[in-house]
Amino acid sequence: MTYSQSVKEETEQLKKIANGSINGDEAIAILSSIFPTDSLNWTQVDVEDFLAGIYRLPPGQIDQVMLAFPDNYTFPDYE
């Protein structure tokens, strides 16, 4: 799998999270895989920039994805 293939797959997963096709534990597993916290403390701005820049999600989809993150991620604007 190349980098661009994995980004395409992750983009599709993120879009499904945004539209509600993927939710709950499945969404949390995907988000935790894409944005692991074991070696990096993701800030809200980091994640929003990543979703916009790498995955090219529009603001509405970014908001929906941000709301799907588990509680161990601290995003003040989405609490």
C-alpha atoms as a PDB file:
ATOM      1  CA  MET A   1       0.000   0.000   0.000  1.00  0.00           C
ATOM      2  CA  THR A   2       1.363   3.366  -0.930  1.00  0.00           C
ATOM      3  CA  TYR A   3       0.987   6.541   1.066  1.00  0.00           C
ATOM      4  CA  SER A   4      -1.624   7.923  -1.313  1.00  0.00           C
ATOM      5  CA  GLN A   5      -3.679   4.710  -1.162  1.00  0.00           C
ATOM      6  CA  SER A   6      -3.781   4.796   2.623  1.00  0.00           C
ATOM      7  CA  VAL A   7      -4.720   8.489   2.616  1.00  0.00           C
ATOM      8  CA  LYS A   8      -7.552   7.745   0.173  1.00  0.00           C
ATOM      9  CA  GLU A   9      -8.824   4.917   2.384  1.00  0.00           C
ATOM     10  CA  GLU A  10      -8.550   7.022   5.525  1.00  0.00           C
ATOM     11  CA  THR A  11     -10.311   9.921   3.783  1.00  0.00           C
ATOM     12  CA  GLU A  12     -13.236   7.667   2.911  1.00  0.00           C
ATOM     13  CA  GLN A  13     -13.385   6.420   6.507  1.00  0.00           C
ATOM     14  CA  LEU A  14     -13.302   9.986   7.840  1.00  0.00           C
ATOM     15  CA  LYS A  15     -16.091  11.031   5.462  1.00  0.00           C
ATOM     16  CA  LYS A  16     -18.185   8.108   6.710  1.00  0.00           C
ATOM     17  CA  ILE A  17     -17.558   9.218  10.285  1.00  0.00           C
ATOM     18  CA  ALA A  18     -18.618  12.745   9.307  1.00  0.00           C
ATOM     19  CA  ASN A  19     -21.874  11.586   7.723  1.00  0.00           C
ATOM     20  CA  GLY A  20     -22.674   9.113  10.502  1.00  0.00           C
ATOM     21  CA  SER A  21     -22.195   5.905   8.485  1.00  0.00           C
ATOM     22  CA  ILE A  22     -19.423   4.942  10.892  1.00  0.00           C
ATOM     23  CA  ASN A  23     -19.874   5.761  14.569  1.00  0.00           C
ATOM     24  CA  GLY A  24     -19.326   4.521  18.096  1.00  0.00           C
ATOM     25  CA  ASP A  25     -16.490   2.109  18.790  1.00  0.00           C
ATOM     26  CA  GLU A  26     -15.667   1.699  15.099  1.00  0.00           C
ATOM     27  CA  ALA A  27     -15.219   5.463  14.668  1.00  0.00           C
ATOM     28  CA  ILE A  28     -13.130   5.664  17.833  1.00  0.00           C
ATOM     29  CA  ALA A  29     -10.882   2.839  16.617  1.00  0.00           C
ATOM     30  CA  ILE A  30     -10.339   4.565  13.263  1.00  0.00           C
ATOM     31  CA  LEU A  31      -9.639   7.963  14.831  1.00  0.00           C
ATOM     32  CA  SER A  32      -7.280   6.436  17.405  1.00  0.00           C
ATOM     33  CA  SER A  33      -5.425   4.662  14.608  1.00  0.00           C
ATOM     34  CA  ILE A  34      -5.075   7.769  12.443  1.00  0.00           C
ATOM     35  CA  PHE A  35      -4.297  10.073  15.385  1.00  0.00           C
ATOM     36  CA  PRO A  36      -2.450   7.903  17.937  1.00  0.00           C
ATOM     37  CA  THR A  37      -1.721   9.459  21.313  1.00  0.00           C
ATOM     38  CA  ASP A  38       1.078   7.140  22.405  1.00  0.00           C
ATOM     39  CA  SER A  39       3.823   9.320  20.946  1.00  0.00           C
ATOM     40  CA  LEU A  40       2.126  12.628  20.176  1.00  0.00           C
ATOM     41  CA  ASN A  41      -0.315  14.850  22.042  1.00  0.00           C
ATOM     42  CA  TRP A  42      -2.639  16.099  19.296  1.00  0.00           C
ATOM     43  CA  THR A  43      -4.041  19.578  19.794  1.00  0.00           C
ATOM     44  CA  GLN A  44      -7.352  20.688  18.356  1.00  0.00           C
ATOM     45  CA  VAL A  45      -5.582  22.919  15.819  1.00  0.00           C
ATOM     46  CA  ASP A  46      -3.214  20.098  14.813  1.00  0.00           C
ATOM     47  CA  VAL A  47      -6.101  17.745  14.078  1.00  0.00           C
ATOM     48  CA  GLU A  48      -8.189  20.388  12.276  1.00  0.00           C
ATOM     49  CA  ASP A  49      -5.188  21.348  10.121  1.00  0.00           C
ATOM     50  CA  PHE A  50      -4.459  17.683   9.377  1.00  0.00           C
ATOM     51  CA  LEU A  51      -8.073  16.985   8.414  1.00  0.00           C
ATOM     52  CA  ALA A  52      -8.152  20.044   6.142  1.00  0.00           C
ATOM     53  CA  GLY A  53      -4.653  19.768   4.679  1.00  0.00           C
ATOM     54  CA  ILE A  54      -4.033  16.039   4.290  1.00  0.00           C
ATOM     55  CA  TYR A  55      -7.569  14.703   3.973  1.00  0.00           C
ATOM     56  CA  ARG A  56      -9.046  17.841   2.374  1.00  0.00           C
ATOM     57  CA  LEU A  57     -12.227  17.715   4.411  1.00  0.00           C
ATOM     58  CA  PRO A  58     -14.458  20.815   4.343  1.00  0.00           C
ATOM     59  CA  PRO A  59     -15.260  22.646   7.605  1.00  0.00           C
ATOM     60  CA  GLY A  60     -18.625  20.938   8.164  1.00  0.00           C
ATOM     61  CA  GLN A  61     -17.102  17.472   7.880  1.00  0.00           C
ATOM     62  CA  ILE A  62     -14.198  18.487  10.100  1.00  0.00           C
ATOM     63  CA  ASP A  63     -16.654  19.545  12.797  1.00  0.00           C
ATOM     64  CA  GLN A  64     -18.470  16.212  12.625  1.00  0.00           C
ATOM     65  CA  VAL A  65     -15.231  14.217  12.767  1.00  0.00           C
ATOM     66  CA  MET A  66     -13.987  16.283  15.714  1.00  0.00           C
ATOM     67  CA  LEU A  67     -17.176  15.490  17.631  1.00  0.00           C
ATOM     68  CA  ALA A  68     -16.546  11.757  17.143  1.00  0.00           C
ATOM     69  CA  PHE A  69     -13.201  11.699  18.986  1.00  0.00           C
ATOM     70  CA  PRO A  70     -13.109   9.842  22.317  1.00  0.00           C
ATOM     71  CA  ASP A  71     -12.837  11.717  25.608  1.00  0.00           C
ATOM     72  CA  ASN A  72      -9.082  11.186  25.989  1.00  0.00           C
ATOM     73  CA  TYR A  73      -8.592  13.785  23.229  1.00  0.00           C
ATOM     74  CA  THR A  74      -9.108  17.291  24.592  1.00  0.00           C
ATOM     75  CA  PHE A  75     -10.600  19.655  22.036  1.00  0.00           C
ATOM     76  CA  PRO A  76     -12.110  22.671  23.843  1.00  0.00           C
ATOM     77  CA  ASP A  77     -14.325  23.826  20.983  1.00  0.00           C
ATOM     78  CA  TYR A  78     -15.936  20.366  20.710  1.00  0.00           C
ATOM     79  CA  GLU A  79     -16.781  19.594  24.325  1.00  0.00           C
END
